[in-house]
C-alpha atoms as a PDB file:
ATOM      1  CA  MET A   1     116.962 103.866 111.338  1.00  0.00           C
ATOM      2  CA  GLN A   2     114.853 101.171 110.703  1.00  0.00           C
ATOM      3  CA  GLN A   3     116.597  98.077 109.000  1.00  0.00           C
ATOM      4  CA  ASN A   4     113.454  95.776 109.156  1.00  0.00           C
ATOM      5  CA  LYS A   5     111.151  97.891 107.044  1.00  0.00           C
ATOM      6  CA  LEU A   6     111.078  96.772 103.382  1.00  0.00           C
ATOM      7  CA  TYR A   7     109.171  99.163 100.537  1.00  0.00           C
ATOM      8  CA  VAL A   8     107.775  96.947  98.133  1.00  0.00           C
ATOM      9  CA  GLY A   9     106.639  98.221  94.425  1.00  0.00           C
ATOM     10  CA  ASN A  10     105.739  97.679  91.011  1.00  0.00           C
ATOM     11  CA  PHE A  11     103.323  94.939  91.874  1.00  0.00           C
ATOM     12  CA  PRO A  12      99.826  94.809  89.761  1.00  0.00           C
ATOM     13  CA  TYR A  13      96.919  96.828  91.306  1.00  0.00           C
ATOM     14  CA  SER A  14      94.864  93.572  91.559  1.00  0.00           C
ATOM     15  CA  VAL A  15      97.441  92.165  94.304  1.00  0.00           C
ATOM     16  CA  ASP A  16      95.776  92.375  98.002  1.00  0.00           C
ATOM     17  CA  GLU A  17      97.007  92.225 101.482  1.00  0.00           C
ATOM     18  CA  SER A  18      96.616  88.340 101.693  1.00  0.00           C
ATOM     19  CA  GLN A  19      98.846  87.700  98.606  1.00  0.00           C
ATOM     20  CA  LEU A  20     101.708  90.014  99.890  1.00  0.00           C
ATOM     21  CA  ARG A  21     101.603  88.609 103.565  1.00  0.00           C
ATOM     22  CA  ALA A  22     101.545  84.844 101.758  1.00  0.00           C
ATOM     23  CA  MET A  23     104.620  85.838  99.761  1.00  0.00           C
ATOM     24  CA  PHE A  24     106.695  87.299 102.375  1.00  0.00           C
ATOM     25  CA  ALA A  25     105.682  85.635 105.612  1.00  0.00           C
ATOM     26  CA  GLU A  26     108.058  82.679 104.445  1.00  0.00           C
ATOM     27  CA  TYR A  27     110.864  84.869 105.661  1.00  0.00           C
ATOM     28  CA  GLY A  28     109.726  85.252 109.109  1.00  0.00           C
ATOM     29  CA  GLU A  29     107.305  87.387 111.317  1.00  0.00           C
ATOM     30  CA  ILE A  30     105.733  90.438 109.632  1.00  0.00           C
ATOM     31  CA  SER A  31     104.580  92.619 112.273  1.00  0.00           C
ATOM     32  CA  GLU A  32     103.001  95.134 110.052  1.00  0.00           C
ATOM     33  CA  LEU A  33     101.770  95.382 106.051  1.00  0.00           C
ATOM     34  CA  ALA A  34     100.368  98.668 104.526  1.00  0.00           C
ATOM     35  CA  LEU A  35      99.621  98.715 101.225  1.00  0.00           C
ATOM     36  CA  ILE A  36      99.389 102.697  99.733  1.00  0.00           C
ATOM     37  CA  THR A  37      96.220 103.379  97.920  1.00  0.00           C
ATOM     38  CA  ASP A  38      95.153 106.813  96.243  1.00  0.00           C
ATOM     39  CA  ARG A  39      93.644 109.179  99.181  1.00  0.00           C
ATOM     40  CA  ASP A  40      90.996 110.379  96.739  1.00  0.00           C
ATOM     41  CA  THR A  41      89.987 107.056  94.725  1.00  0.00           C
ATOM     42  CA  GLY A  42      91.086 104.612  97.479  1.00  0.00           C
ATOM     43  CA  ARG A  43      92.752 102.443  94.437  1.00  0.00           C
ATOM     44  CA  PRO A  44      96.007 100.750  95.060  1.00  0.00           C
ATOM     45  CA  LYS A  45      99.029 102.625  93.754  1.00  0.00           C
ATOM     46  CA  GLY A  46     100.876  99.294  93.199  1.00  0.00           C
ATOM     47  CA  PHE A  47     103.280  99.674  96.556  1.00  0.00           C
ATOM     48  CA  GLY A  48     103.319  99.479 100.144  1.00  0.00           C
ATOM     49  CA  PHE A  49     105.726  98.589 103.333  1.00  0.00           C
ATOM     50  CA  ILE A  50     106.194  95.556 104.800  1.00  0.00           C
ATOM     51  CA  THR A  51     107.516  95.632 108.481  1.00  0.00           C
ATOM     52  CA  PHE A  52     109.382  92.507 109.531  1.00  0.00           C
ATOM     53  CA  ALA A  53     109.840  91.608 113.615  1.00  0.00           C
ATOM     54  CA  ASN A  54     113.225  91.183 112.909  1.00  0.00           C
ATOM     55  CA  GLN A  55     116.219  92.932 110.303  1.00  0.00           C
ATOM     56  CA  SER A  56     117.354  89.405 109.652  1.00  0.00           C
ATOM     57  CA  ALA A  57     113.993  88.133 108.397  1.00  0.00           C
ATOM     58  CA  ALA A  58     113.751  91.354 106.400  1.00  0.00           C
ATOM     59  CA  GLU A  59     117.482  91.087 104.833  1.00  0.00           C
ATOM     60  CA  LYS A  60     115.989  87.732 103.609  1.00  0.00           C
ATOM     61  CA  ALA A  61     113.050  88.905 102.047  1.00  0.00           C
ATOM     62  CA  LEU A  62     115.221  90.856  99.777  1.00  0.00           C
ATOM     63  CA  GLU A  63     115.689  88.058  97.564  1.00  0.00           C
ATOM     64  CA  LEU A  64     112.336  88.553  96.391  1.00  0.00           C
ATOM     65  CA  ASN A  65     113.666  91.885  94.324  1.00  0.00           C
ATOM     66  CA  GLY A  66     113.113  91.082  90.839  1.00  0.00           C
ATOM     67  CA  ARG A  67     110.805  88.000  91.252  1.00  0.00           C
ATOM     68  CA  ASP A  68     107.777  87.944  89.121  1.00  0.00           C
ATOM     69  CA  LEU A  69     104.262  88.786  90.463  1.00  0.00           C
ATOM     70  CA  GLY A  70     101.724  89.113  88.032  1.00  0.00           C
ATOM     71  CA  GLY A  71     103.770  89.668  85.005  1.00  0.00           C
ATOM     72  CA  ARG A  72     106.040  92.235  86.795  1.00  0.00           C
ATOM     73  CA  PRO A  73     108.875  92.484  88.592  1.00  0.00           C
ATOM     74  CA  LEU A  74     108.860  93.264  91.977  1.00  0.00           C
ATOM     75  CA  LYS A  75     111.032  95.638  93.698  1.00  0.00           C
ATOM     76  CA  VAL A  76     111.964  95.107  97.052  1.00  0.00           C
ATOM     77  CA  ASN A  77     114.488  97.644  99.255  1.00  0.00           C
ATOM     78  CA  ILE A  78     115.002  98.590 102.750  1.00  0.00           C
ATOM     79  CA  ALA A  79     112.770 101.284 103.259  1.00  0.00           C
ATOM     80  CA  THR A  80     114.307 105.047 103.929  1.00  0.00           C
ATOM     81  CA  ASP A  81     112.452 107.597 105.420  1.00  0.00           C
ATOM     82  CA  LYS A  82     111.168 110.448 103.426  1.00  0.00           C
ATOM     83  CA  PRO A  83     113.046 113.589 104.075  1.00  0.00           C
ATOM     84  CA  ARG A  84     110.342 116.030 105.604  1.00  0.00           C
ATOM     85  CA  SER A  85     109.851 119.086 104.230  1.00  0.00           C
ATOM     86  CA  GLY A  86     109.892 122.589 106.041  1.00  0.00           C
ATOM     87  CA  GLY A  87     106.090 123.078 105.696  1.00  0.00           C
ATOM     88  CA  GLY A  88     103.362 122.912 103.083  1.00  0.00           C
ATOM     89  CA  GLY A  89     103.285 125.680 100.264  1.00  0.00           C
ATOM     90  CA  GLY A  90     103.922 129.393 101.823  1.00  0.00           C
ATOM     91  CA  SER A  91     104.091 132.223  99.884  1.00  0.00           C
ATOM     92  CA  ARG A  92     106.923 133.615  97.540  1.00  0.00           C
ATOM     93  CA  GLY A  93     107.926 136.563  99.534  1.00  0.00           C
ATOM     94  CA  GLY A  94     105.128 137.769 101.271  1.00  0.00           C
ATOM     95  CA  ASN A  95     103.559 141.006 100.789  1.00  0.00           C
ATOM     96  CA  ARG A  96     106.114 143.107  99.087  1.00  0.00           C
ATOM     97  CA  PRO A  97     105.250 146.233  96.967  1.00  0.00           C
ATOM     98  CA  ARG A  98     105.487 145.715  93.411  1.00  0.00           C
ATOM     99  CA  TRP A  99     107.121 148.392  91.364  1.00  0.00           C
END
């Protein structure tokens, strides 16, 4: 499991990538930053992921948890992999006869 990737959430929708990068760059080299947007509207969802070049930088950046950004307390945690489900949708029993 990758321990140098952080989940960052609860920030205002007005926050952009450069603002987050500036805030977190003081803790170490950022190798990837992804702001999550709504796929239909393209609007930000108020959370994202920051991957640091090493684990110690990510651990130091955890101290930003609870820090105010635009009037909202940031949520900063080590990112965890989302469990994958067995597939999409599916049927409820197939073609069973109805009695």
